[in-house]
Amino acid sequence: MAAQREYEHVRVAVIGSGFGGLGAAVRLRRAGITDFAVLERRDAVGGTWRDNSYPGCACDVPSHLYSFSFAPNPEWPRNFSGQQHIRAYLERVTDTFGLREHIRFQHEVLQMTWDTDALHWVVETSRSTLTADFVVSATGPLSDPKIPDVPGLDTFEGKVFHSARWDHDYDLRGTRVAMVGTGASAIQIVPAIQPTVDRLTVFQRTAPWVMPRVDRKISGLERWMHTRLPATRAARRQLLWIMRELQVGAFTKHPGRLGLVERLASAHMKKAVKDPETRRVLIPDYRIGCKRILLSNSWYPALAEPNVDLVPSGLKEVRGNTLVAADGTETEVDAVVFGTGFHVTDMPIAQRIKGADGATLAEKWTGGMEALRGCTAAGFPNFMTVIGPNTGLGNSSMILIIEAQLNYMVDYLRQLDTLGGTVALDARPSAVHAWNHHVQDRMKRTVWNTGGCDSWYLDANGRNTTVWPGTTGEFRRVTRRLDLGEYEVLRAHPDAARPAATAAASGTAHKEAR
């Protein structure tokens, strides 16, 4: 008789409750799987849309495309919705699909270990330990803020925080503020706080390309039509999707055709900024699209305001309350806001996941992240990542990628059921390497690799392990089914009883010849 399990056991454990985690939970329920738990380190759902609540926070993908296909929202108020509306949408999804009973708040995953005897994962959280046959990591690439190691920052006497950890108790009104970074968060924060602060200094290491934000309120008539005539809502989403699919070729195959877009972006800047010197430092020296293209109608006008100083240099050091830029510019401030991005190419959760040979996923990825079809890694059976390596997008909705990966997840679980018994699938190293070689070969001619910039898409080795070099339609096709030929089938040794959950691995599982 098999020994009684020491810990609670679930069929599937999902890490995170942002778009990826909630989407996984919905798909599991729709597939008839109810034995699962969603492990969330915070006290509410929403992921990056819960964490990022800074002034002006909004999405740069149209609302009707930045939502689940299985949970349309006819009531989006604007073309581009704000953080509060997106977070409210995720709360509604949670309630509509009955997910709360599965979510365990304040359960941060501290360590996961693959048990090669029992063929399951041992998941240690900040509150309990459980075991799971299958684990889905949906922590997302924009979940752990990155603050640069600036000499002297620890001696700064004022207030310091990251855009994703906004301190709403600190009143910026009438203060001198430094905004470090000019990325997607900064171009929303600066216009939002500029009217109320005394002085705002923006540290720009690299100028971004900024295009007009074609935003407006969605009229009551439109919302009524989308509610009463669902076909109109579906048509709107389809049109938005097609427009973005048609743009992909310029980014992935013909970067030289982006010159017209650069001229439009330059004209957008010159319309608001009249000072020749400021214009000069605001024109990027790389091809548009190499870094994320930003959308804003208020960024350039805010920079032109008299209480805003643009420092065309990165932050070098801090001396007391004085910030020193790399070009020697000195600025005394009361508060520092970092808009310096996230740990994208060095996924923090990877340090906590120990595979079949005892090595962590981070150790396996020392030379760069790679995963089969952006989902699975060799040596980590019955484990997949949502928004994994090379699944990011430069111009469309990540929800499309997430839903494609969830198709893969459902088929993965179906294949396990078909095989029967205590079984696991482990991605073959040859399949992982072949897929990664294919992706990197396609990446060579993309604007992200040839555009002449150093973006957050690139890892420490200069490899683009972030972006998918194709259309979302193509990604959906390559993740529609799990190919068993790309996996090794692991079964528990027929003489081995399924033991109590333990982090030990004595290797009694065997590989099934295929």
Protein backbone atom coordinates (compact mmCIF):
# COMPACT_ATOMS: atom_id res chain seq x y z
CA MET A 1 0.00 0.00 0.00
CA ALA A 2 1.33 3.44 -0.90
CA ALA A 3 2.34 5.59 2.03
CA GLN A 4 -0.06 8.35 3.00
CA ARG A 5 0.98 11.71 1.60
CA GLU A 6 2.58 14.01 4.11
CA TYR A 7 1.27 17.16 2.47
CA GLU A 8 -1.87 18.28 0.72
CA HIS A 9 -1.76 17.24 -2.93
CA VAL A 10 -3.31 18.99 -5.94
CA ARG A 11 -3.24 17.98 -9.54
CA VAL A 12 -2.15 21.44 -10.74
CA ALA A 13 -0.50 24.34 -8.94
CA VAL A 14 -0.58 27.75 -10.64
CA ILE A 15 1.87 30.43 -9.49
CA GLY A 16 0.53 33.97 -9.80
CA SER A 17 -2.88 35.56 -10.32
CA GLY A 18 -2.31 38.07 -13.07
CA PHE A 19 -3.56 37.57 -16.62
CA GLY A 20 -1.51 34.38 -16.99
CA GLY A 21 -2.52 32.77 -13.71
CA LEU A 22 -6.20 33.67 -13.91
CA GLY A 23 -6.30 32.59 -17.54
CA ALA A 24 -4.78 29.23 -16.58
CA ALA A 25 -7.35 28.81 -13.81
CA VAL A 26 -10.24 29.51 -16.19
CA ARG A 27 -8.91 27.10 -18.80
CA LEU A 28 -8.44 24.38 -16.20
CA ARG A 29 -12.03 24.72 -15.05
CA ARG A 30 -13.31 24.76 -18.62
CA ALA A 31 -11.34 21.55 -19.25
CA GLY A 32 -13.09 19.91 -16.31
CA ILE A 33 -10.10 20.16 -13.96
CA THR A 34 -11.05 21.52 -10.55
CA ASP A 35 -8.29 20.01 -8.41
CA PHE A 36 -5.93 22.97 -8.60
CA ALA A 37 -4.62 25.80 -6.47
CA VAL A 38 -3.53 29.31 -7.46
CA LEU A 39 -0.65 30.50 -5.27
CA GLU A 40 -0.53 34.29 -5.00
CA ARG A 41 2.09 36.12 -2.94
CA ARG A 42 -0.01 39.28 -2.54
CA ASP A 43 -3.45 39.75 -0.96
CA ALA A 44 -5.34 40.38 -4.21
CA VAL A 45 -5.43 39.30 -7.84
CA GLY A 46 -4.17 41.40 -10.73
CA GLY A 47 -0.43 40.78 -11.03
CA THR A 48 1.32 43.69 -12.68
CA TRP A 49 -2.00 45.57 -12.85
CA ARG A 50 -2.29 45.32 -9.08
CA ASP A 51 1.34 46.28 -8.42
CA ASN A 52 1.55 49.19 -10.84
CA SER A 53 -0.77 51.89 -9.52
CA TYR A 54 1.39 54.92 -10.22
CA PRO A 55 -0.22 58.18 -11.43
CA GLY A 56 -1.21 57.93 -15.09
CA CYS A 57 -0.83 54.15 -15.27
CA ALA A 58 -2.60 52.78 -18.34
CA CYS A 59 -2.22 50.15 -21.06
CA ASP A 60 -0.71 50.87 -24.47
CA VAL A 61 -2.68 48.09 -26.18
CA PRO A 62 -6.32 48.76 -27.14
CA SER A 63 -8.74 47.53 -24.48
CA HIS A 64 -10.77 45.25 -26.74
CA LEU A 65 -7.60 43.37 -27.68
CA TYR A 66 -6.07 43.47 -24.20
CA SER A 67 -8.62 41.11 -22.69
CA PHE A 68 -9.46 37.42 -22.76
CA SER A 69 -11.28 36.14 -25.84
CA PHE A 70 -13.45 34.03 -23.51
CA ALA A 71 -14.28 36.98 -21.25
CA PRO A 72 -15.09 39.98 -23.47
CA ASN A 73 -15.89 43.29 -21.83
CA PRO A 74 -18.33 45.43 -23.82
CA GLU A 75 -18.05 48.22 -21.24
CA TRP A 76 -14.44 49.33 -21.76
CA PRO A 77 -14.60 53.14 -21.26
CA ARG A 78 -11.68 54.14 -23.53
CA ASN A 79 -9.64 52.85 -26.44
CA PHE A 80 -6.74 52.50 -24.00
CA SER A 81 -7.91 51.68 -20.50
CA GLY A 82 -6.35 52.81 -17.27
CA GLN A 83 -4.95 50.55 -14.57
CA GLN A 84 -8.04 50.75 -12.39
CA HIS A 85 -10.30 49.50 -15.19
CA ILE A 86 -7.98 46.62 -16.08
CA ARG A 87 -7.66 45.57 -12.47
CA ALA A 88 -11.45 45.73 -12.05
CA TYR A 89 -11.78 43.55 -15.17
CA LEU A 90 -9.50 40.90 -13.64
CA GLU A 91 -11.49 40.98 -10.41
CA ARG A 92 -14.66 40.37 -12.44
CA VAL A 93 -13.05 37.48 -14.30
CA THR A 94 -12.11 35.98 -10.93
CA ASP A 95 -15.70 36.15 -9.70
CA THR A 96 -17.44 35.28 -12.97
CA PHE A 97 -15.51 32.04 -13.36
CA GLY A 98 -15.60 31.07 -9.68
CA LEU A 99 -11.87 31.23 -9.14
CA ARG A 100 -11.66 32.60 -5.59
CA GLU A 101 -12.12 29.21 -3.97
CA HIS A 102 -8.92 28.11 -5.71
CA ILE A 103 -6.77 31.14 -4.86
CA ARG A 104 -4.48 31.16 -1.83
CA PHE A 105 -3.43 34.68 -1.08
CA GLN A 106 -0.16 35.54 0.65
CA HIS A 107 1.29 32.20 -0.41
CA GLU A 108 4.63 33.18 -1.89
CA VAL A 109 6.47 30.26 -3.47
CA LEU A 110 9.80 29.95 -1.66
CA GLN A 111 11.04 26.77 -3.33
CA MET A 112 9.88 24.06 -5.70
CA THR A 113 11.61 20.70 -5.95
CA TRP A 114 10.95 17.86 -8.37
CA ASP A 115 10.56 14.50 -6.60
CA THR A 116 11.84 11.87 -9.02
CA ASP A 117 10.39 9.03 -6.95
CA ALA A 118 6.83 10.29 -6.73
CA LEU A 119 6.95 12.17 -10.05
CA HIS A 120 5.49 15.33 -8.59
CA TRP A 121 6.55 18.76 -7.42
CA VAL A 122 7.02 19.68 -3.78
CA VAL A 123 6.00 23.33 -3.47
CA GLU A 124 7.02 25.22 -0.34
CA THR A 125 5.20 28.51 0.18
CA SER A 126 5.42 31.16 2.88
CA ARG A 127 2.43 29.55 4.60
CA SER A 128 2.38 25.85 3.76
CA THR A 129 3.82 23.04 1.69
CA LEU A 130 1.90 21.10 -0.91
CA THR A 131 2.63 18.70 -3.75
CA ALA A 132 1.40 18.95 -7.33
CA ASP A 133 1.51 16.68 -10.36
CA PHE A 134 1.86 19.66 -12.65
CA VAL A 135 2.95 23.27 -12.10
CA VAL A 136 2.25 26.36 -14.20
CA SER A 137 4.45 29.36 -13.47
CA ALA A 138 2.57 32.53 -14.38
CA THR A 139 4.67 35.05 -12.47
CA GLY A 140 5.19 37.12 -15.60
CA PRO A 141 8.25 39.12 -16.71
CA LEU A 142 7.01 42.41 -15.21
CA SER A 143 6.63 41.29 -11.62
CA ASP A 144 9.95 42.00 -9.90
CA PRO A 145 11.17 45.62 -10.12
CA LYS A 146 14.77 46.35 -10.98
CA ILE A 147 16.51 49.23 -9.21
CA PRO A 148 20.07 49.93 -10.41
CA ASP A 149 22.94 49.72 -8.00
CA VAL A 150 23.71 53.43 -7.75
CA PRO A 151 26.64 54.35 -5.46
CA GLY A 152 25.45 56.38 -2.49
CA LEU A 153 21.75 55.66 -2.96
CA ASP A 154 21.58 54.12 0.51
CA THR A 155 22.65 57.48 1.99
CA PHE A 156 19.90 59.48 0.27
CA GLU A 157 17.88 61.28 2.93
CA GLY A 158 14.68 61.71 0.94
CA LYS A 159 12.09 59.27 -0.41
CA VAL A 160 12.98 56.52 -2.88
CA PHE A 161 10.63 54.08 -4.60
CA HIS A 162 10.12 52.18 -7.86
CA SER A 163 7.21 52.94 -10.15
CA ALA A 164 5.81 49.45 -9.51
CA ARG A 165 5.87 50.04 -5.73
CA TRP A 166 4.38 53.52 -5.68
CA ASP A 167 4.14 55.05 -2.21
CA HIS A 168 0.71 56.66 -2.19
CA ASP A 169 1.26 57.91 1.37
CA TYR A 170 4.05 60.20 0.21
CA ASP A 171 2.76 63.50 -1.13
CA LEU A 172 4.84 64.73 -4.09
CA ARG A 173 3.07 68.10 -4.25
CA GLY A 174 5.49 70.99 -3.96
CA THR A 175 8.55 68.73 -3.84
CA ARG A 176 11.61 68.35 -6.04
CA VAL A 177 11.41 64.99 -7.78
CA ALA A 178 13.83 63.00 -9.90
CA MET A 179 12.44 60.57 -12.45
CA VAL A 180 15.09 58.01 -13.36
CA GLY A 181 14.33 56.38 -16.68
CA THR A 182 12.29 57.27 -19.76
CA GLY A 183 10.48 54.02 -20.50
CA ALA A 184 6.82 53.02 -20.64
CA SER A 185 6.13 53.90 -16.99
CA ALA A 186 8.06 57.16 -16.94
CA ILE A 187 6.28 58.67 -19.93
CA GLN A 188 2.99 58.19 -18.08
CA ILE A 189 4.23 59.32 -14.66
CA VAL A 190 5.96 62.53 -15.74
CA PRO A 191 2.87 64.19 -17.31
CA ALA A 192 0.74 63.06 -14.36
CA ILE A 193 2.91 64.58 -11.62
CA GLN A 194 4.45 67.55 -13.49
CA PRO A 195 1.60 70.00 -12.74
CA THR A 196 1.85 69.53 -8.97
CA VAL A 197 5.56 69.13 -8.18
CA ASP A 198 7.86 72.10 -7.61
CA ARG A 199 10.65 70.79 -9.85
CA LEU A 200 10.93 67.64 -11.90
CA THR A 201 14.26 66.35 -13.19
CA VAL A 202 14.15 63.54 -15.75
CA PHE A 203 17.27 61.40 -16.16
CA GLN A 204 17.29 60.05 -19.71
CA ARG A 205 19.97 57.47 -20.46
CA THR A 206 18.47 56.64 -23.86
CA ALA A 207 15.80 58.61 -25.71
CA PRO A 208 12.67 56.58 -26.56
CA TRP A 209 10.70 56.69 -29.76
CA VAL A 210 7.24 58.04 -28.92
CA MET A 211 4.22 57.92 -31.22
CA PRO A 212 0.85 59.67 -30.80
CA ARG A 213 -1.62 57.86 -28.58
CA VAL A 214 -4.87 57.60 -30.56
CA ASP A 215 -7.07 57.47 -27.51
CA ARG A 216 -10.65 58.57 -26.92
CA LYS A 217 -13.70 57.71 -24.86
CA ILE A 218 -15.75 54.83 -26.22
CA SER A 219 -19.24 56.24 -26.67
CA GLY A 220 -22.35 54.98 -24.95
CA LEU A 221 -23.74 53.94 -28.34
CA GLU A 222 -20.66 51.82 -29.04
CA ARG A 223 -20.88 50.16 -25.64
CA TRP A 224 -24.59 49.51 -26.17
CA MET A 225 -23.88 47.90 -29.54
CA HIS A 226 -21.07 45.78 -28.11
CA THR A 227 -23.43 44.55 -25.39
CA ARG A 228 -26.54 43.92 -27.50
CA LEU A 229 -24.74 42.90 -30.70
CA PRO A 230 -21.73 40.77 -29.73
CA ALA A 231 -20.72 40.49 -33.39
CA THR A 232 -19.75 44.19 -33.36
CA ARG A 233 -17.48 43.62 -30.39
CA ALA A 234 -15.89 40.60 -32.05
CA ALA A 235 -15.38 42.55 -35.28
CA ARG A 236 -13.67 45.37 -33.39
CA ARG A 237 -11.28 42.92 -31.74
CA GLN A 238 -10.59 41.15 -35.03
CA LEU A 239 -9.80 44.43 -36.79
CA LEU A 240 -7.40 45.49 -34.03
CA TRP A 241 -5.69 42.10 -34.23
CA ILE A 242 -5.33 42.15 -38.03
CA MET A 243 -3.85 45.64 -38.02
CA ARG A 244 -1.12 44.52 -35.66
CA GLU A 245 -0.46 41.25 -37.45
CA LEU A 246 0.18 43.21 -40.66
CA GLN A 247 2.83 45.29 -38.89
CA VAL A 248 4.92 42.33 -37.78
CA GLY A 249 6.78 41.90 -41.06
CA ALA A 250 8.41 45.32 -40.79
CA PHE A 251 9.80 44.47 -37.35
CA THR A 252 10.90 40.92 -38.10
CA LYS A 253 11.94 40.92 -41.76
CA HIS A 254 12.18 44.45 -43.17
CA PRO A 255 13.40 46.94 -40.53
CA GLY A 256 14.51 49.26 -43.30
CA ARG A 257 10.87 50.04 -44.04
CA LEU A 258 10.42 51.73 -40.66
CA GLY A 259 11.89 55.04 -41.82
CA LEU A 260 8.46 56.57 -42.44
CA VAL A 261 7.37 55.67 -38.92
CA GLU A 262 10.48 57.39 -37.57
CA ARG A 263 9.61 60.56 -39.47
CA LEU A 264 6.09 60.50 -38.01
CA ALA A 265 7.50 60.10 -34.49
CA SER A 266 9.99 62.94 -35.04
CA ALA A 267 7.21 65.23 -36.26
CA HIS A 268 5.19 64.32 -33.17
CA MET A 269 8.07 65.42 -30.96
CA LYS A 270 8.86 68.64 -32.86
CA LYS A 271 5.24 69.73 -32.65
CA ALA A 272 5.50 70.01 -28.84
CA VAL A 273 9.19 70.77 -28.28
CA LYS A 274 10.49 74.04 -29.76
CA ASP A 275 13.94 74.26 -28.15
CA PRO A 276 16.55 73.01 -30.67
CA GLU A 277 18.88 71.56 -28.03
CA THR A 278 16.07 69.66 -26.32
CA ARG A 279 14.94 68.35 -29.69
CA ARG A 280 18.45 67.12 -30.39
CA VAL A 281 18.67 64.99 -27.28
CA LEU A 282 15.13 63.65 -27.75
CA ILE A 283 15.86 62.10 -31.15
CA PRO A 284 16.93 58.45 -30.64
CA ASP A 285 20.07 57.21 -32.39
CA TYR A 286 18.64 53.77 -33.16
CA ARG A 287 15.99 52.36 -35.47
CA ILE A 288 12.41 52.73 -34.25
CA GLY A 289 11.09 49.44 -32.87
CA CYS A 290 14.49 48.29 -31.57
CA LYS A 291 13.23 49.32 -28.15
CA ARG A 292 9.57 49.29 -27.25
CA ILE A 293 7.68 52.03 -29.12
CA LEU A 294 5.89 54.22 -26.60
CA LEU A 295 2.55 55.98 -27.02
CA SER A 296 1.81 59.37 -25.48
CA ASN A 297 0.29 62.73 -26.34
CA SER A 298 1.44 64.36 -23.11
CA TRP A 299 5.08 63.25 -22.70
CA TYR A 300 6.69 65.86 -24.93
CA PRO A 301 4.46 68.74 -23.77
CA ALA A 302 5.35 67.87 -20.16
CA LEU A 303 9.07 67.96 -20.94
CA ALA A 304 8.59 71.42 -22.44
CA GLU A 305 7.11 72.84 -19.22
CA PRO A 306 9.31 75.36 -17.31
CA ASN A 307 9.45 73.26 -14.11
CA VAL A 308 10.90 70.23 -15.91
CA ASP A 309 14.60 69.65 -16.54
CA LEU A 310 15.75 66.95 -18.93
CA VAL A 311 19.16 65.48 -18.17
CA PRO A 312 20.33 63.50 -21.22
CA SER A 313 22.37 61.11 -19.13
CA GLY A 314 21.95 58.24 -16.69
CA LEU A 315 22.21 58.54 -12.90
CA LYS A 316 25.81 57.90 -11.82
CA GLU A 317 25.86 58.46 -8.06
CA VAL A 318 24.11 60.02 -5.08
CA ARG A 319 25.78 62.40 -2.64
CA GLY A 320 23.44 63.15 0.22
CA ASN A 321 20.40 64.74 -1.42
CA THR A 322 22.30 65.52 -4.60
CA LEU A 323 21.99 63.31 -7.65
CA VAL A 324 24.95 63.25 -10.03
CA ALA A 325 24.47 62.26 -13.67
CA ALA A 326 27.07 60.53 -15.81
CA ASP A 327 27.63 63.83 -17.64
CA GLY A 328 28.39 65.61 -14.35
CA THR A 329 25.03 67.36 -13.95
CA GLU A 330 24.11 67.79 -10.28
CA THR A 331 20.54 68.05 -9.01
CA GLU A 332 19.26 68.34 -5.45
CA VAL A 333 15.93 66.58 -4.94
CA ASP A 334 13.52 65.44 -2.23
CA ALA A 335 12.35 62.23 -3.85
CA VAL A 336 13.63 59.73 -6.42
CA VAL A 337 11.27 57.64 -8.53
CA PHE A 338 12.84 54.77 -10.46
CA GLY A 339 11.16 53.80 -13.72
CA THR A 340 13.92 51.34 -14.50
CA GLY A 341 11.99 48.26 -15.48
CA PHE A 342 11.95 44.68 -14.23
CA HIS A 343 13.94 41.46 -14.02
CA VAL A 344 12.91 40.14 -17.42
CA THR A 345 15.82 38.07 -18.72
CA ASP A 346 16.80 36.83 -15.25
CA MET A 347 13.42 35.60 -14.01
CA PRO A 348 13.64 35.58 -10.17
CA ILE A 349 11.30 32.57 -9.75
CA ALA A 350 13.88 30.49 -11.66
CA GLN A 351 16.20 30.63 -8.65
CA ARG A 352 13.57 28.82 -6.58
CA ILE A 353 12.83 25.92 -8.91
CA LYS A 354 14.96 22.77 -8.58
CA GLY A 355 14.69 20.25 -11.37
CA ALA A 356 15.31 16.51 -11.70
CA ASP A 357 19.08 16.74 -11.17
CA GLY A 358 18.89 19.18 -8.25
CA ALA A 359 20.01 22.22 -10.25
CA THR A 360 17.83 25.30 -10.31
CA LEU A 361 16.24 26.66 -13.45
CA ALA A 362 18.37 29.79 -13.02
CA GLU A 363 21.52 27.64 -13.06
CA LYS A 364 20.34 25.87 -16.20
CA TRP A 365 19.73 29.26 -17.77
CA THR A 366 23.13 30.75 -16.91
CA GLY A 367 23.91 31.02 -20.61
CA GLY A 368 20.49 32.48 -21.38
CA MET A 369 16.85 31.49 -21.02
CA GLU A 370 15.48 28.91 -23.45
CA ALA A 371 12.33 26.84 -23.44
CA LEU A 372 10.56 24.57 -25.90
CA ARG A 373 7.88 26.65 -27.62
CA GLY A 374 8.35 29.21 -24.88
CA CYS A 375 6.79 26.80 -22.38
CA THR A 376 8.96 23.95 -21.07
CA ALA A 377 12.59 23.39 -20.08
CA ALA A 378 14.62 20.17 -20.17
CA GLY A 379 15.07 18.59 -16.75
CA PHE A 380 11.91 20.17 -15.33
CA PRO A 381 9.14 17.63 -15.95
CA ASN A 382 5.45 18.54 -15.76
CA PHE A 383 6.34 22.22 -15.49
CA MET A 384 5.61 25.04 -17.86
CA THR A 385 5.98 28.79 -17.92
CA VAL A 386 3.36 31.20 -19.20
CA ILE A 387 5.10 34.13 -20.92
CA GLY A 388 8.35 32.20 -20.97
CA PRO A 389 11.47 32.79 -23.08
CA ASN A 390 10.89 34.38 -26.49
CA THR A 391 7.15 34.83 -26.12
CA GLY A 392 7.09 38.61 -25.71
CA LEU A 393 5.59 40.99 -28.25
CA GLY A 394 6.73 44.35 -29.50
CA ASN A 395 3.48 45.55 -31.03
CA SER A 396 0.44 43.53 -29.96
CA SER A 397 -1.44 42.07 -27.01
CA MET A 398 0.31 39.61 -24.71
CA ILE A 399 -3.09 38.10 -23.91
CA LEU A 400 -2.97 36.48 -27.36
CA ILE A 401 0.30 34.75 -26.45
CA ILE A 402 -1.02 33.75 -23.04
CA GLU A 403 -4.11 32.11 -24.53
CA ALA A 404 -1.97 30.22 -27.04
CA GLN A 405 0.20 28.86 -24.22
CA LEU A 406 -2.90 27.87 -22.27
CA ASN A 407 -3.97 25.78 -25.27
CA TYR A 408 -0.61 24.03 -24.93
CA MET A 409 -1.18 23.56 -21.19
CA VAL A 410 -4.55 21.90 -21.70
CA ASP A 411 -3.15 19.55 -24.34
CA TYR A 412 -0.19 18.75 -22.06
CA LEU A 413 -2.60 17.62 -19.33
CA ARG A 414 -4.70 15.70 -21.87
CA GLN A 415 -1.60 13.83 -23.03
CA LEU A 416 -0.77 12.91 -19.43
CA ASP A 417 -4.29 11.52 -19.01
CA THR A 418 -4.01 9.55 -22.24
CA LEU A 419 -0.71 7.99 -21.16
CA GLY A 420 -2.33 6.93 -17.88
CA GLY A 421 -0.85 6.09 -14.49
CA THR A 422 1.75 8.11 -12.63
CA VAL A 423 3.50 9.76 -15.51
CA ALA A 424 5.47 12.90 -16.38
CA LEU A 425 6.75 14.52 -19.55
CA ASP A 426 10.23 16.03 -19.73
CA ALA A 427 11.24 18.17 -22.70
CA ARG A 428 14.09 16.56 -24.63
CA PRO A 429 17.25 18.72 -24.60
CA SER A 430 17.59 18.20 -28.34
CA ALA A 431 14.07 19.55 -28.91
CA VAL A 432 14.67 22.57 -26.67
CA HIS A 433 17.96 23.38 -28.39
CA ALA A 434 16.47 22.90 -31.87
CA TRP A 435 13.58 25.24 -31.05
CA ASN A 436 15.89 27.85 -29.54
CA HIS A 437 18.23 27.67 -32.55
CA HIS A 438 15.24 28.17 -34.85
CA VAL A 439 14.06 31.21 -32.87
CA GLN A 440 17.52 32.80 -32.63
CA ASP A 441 18.17 32.22 -36.32
CA ARG A 442 14.96 34.09 -37.17
CA MET A 443 15.91 36.81 -34.68
CA LYS A 444 19.05 37.78 -36.63
CA ARG A 445 17.33 40.07 -39.11
CA THR A 446 14.72 41.57 -36.78
CA VAL A 447 14.79 45.22 -35.74
CA TRP A 448 15.38 44.11 -32.13
CA ASN A 449 18.76 42.66 -33.10
CA THR A 450 19.77 44.97 -35.96
CA GLY A 451 18.31 48.29 -34.81
CA GLY A 452 21.41 49.48 -32.96
CA CYS A 453 20.05 49.68 -29.42
CA ASP A 454 20.67 48.00 -26.08
CA SER A 455 17.18 47.09 -24.91
CA TRP A 456 15.69 45.12 -22.02
CA TYR A 457 14.85 42.45 -24.59
CA LEU A 458 18.53 41.41 -24.55
CA ASP A 459 20.11 39.32 -21.81
CA ALA A 460 23.58 39.70 -20.30
CA ASN A 461 25.05 37.81 -23.25
CA GLY A 462 23.40 40.11 -25.79
CA ARG A 463 20.89 37.48 -26.92
CA ASN A 464 17.25 38.36 -27.42
CA THR A 465 15.52 35.86 -25.13
CA THR A 466 12.40 37.97 -24.70
CA VAL A 467 10.58 38.61 -27.97
CA TRP A 468 8.77 36.23 -30.34
CA PRO A 469 10.02 36.85 -33.91
CA GLY A 470 6.72 36.19 -35.64
CA THR A 471 2.98 36.82 -35.63
CA THR A 472 0.62 35.83 -32.85
CA GLY A 473 -1.25 33.67 -35.34
CA GLU A 474 1.90 31.69 -36.03
CA PHE A 475 2.59 31.29 -32.31
CA ARG A 476 -0.93 29.99 -31.81
CA ARG A 477 -0.30 27.36 -34.49
CA VAL A 478 2.99 26.12 -33.02
CA THR A 479 1.48 25.78 -29.54
CA ARG A 480 -1.86 24.26 -30.51
CA ARG A 481 -0.73 20.70 -29.72
CA LEU A 482 2.00 19.11 -27.65
CA ASP A 483 4.21 16.86 -29.78
CA LEU A 484 5.07 13.78 -27.71
CA GLY A 485 8.12 13.26 -29.92
CA GLU A 486 9.66 16.34 -28.28
CA TYR A 487 9.36 14.81 -24.79
CA GLU A 488 10.63 11.90 -22.78
CA VAL A 489 7.90 9.98 -20.96
CA LEU A 490 8.76 9.28 -17.32
CA ARG A 491 6.98 6.66 -15.25
CA ALA A 492 7.41 5.69 -11.63
CA HIS A 493 9.28 2.41 -11.17
CA PRO A 494 6.66 -0.36 -11.03
CA ASP A 495 8.05 -1.60 -7.71
CA ALA A 496 8.16 1.83 -6.09
CA ALA A 497 5.26 2.85 -3.89
CA ARG A 498 4.28 6.47 -4.17
CA PRO A 499 5.97 7.94 -1.07
CA ALA A 500 5.15 10.85 1.16
CA ALA A 501 6.16 14.14 -0.39
CA THR A 502 9.84 14.82 0.10
CA ALA A 503 12.48 16.97 -1.49
CA ALA A 504 14.78 13.98 -1.83
CA ALA A 505 15.24 12.41 -5.25
CA SER A 506 16.54 8.84 -5.42
CA GLY A 507 15.78 8.36 -9.09
CA THR A 508 13.40 5.38 -9.11
CA ALA A 509 11.47 6.78 -12.08
CA HIS A 510 12.30 5.32 -15.46
CA LYS A 511 12.04 6.64 -18.98
CA GLU A 512 9.61 5.00 -21.32
CA ALA A 513 11.01 4.08 -24.70
CA ARG A 514 9.13 5.73 -27.53
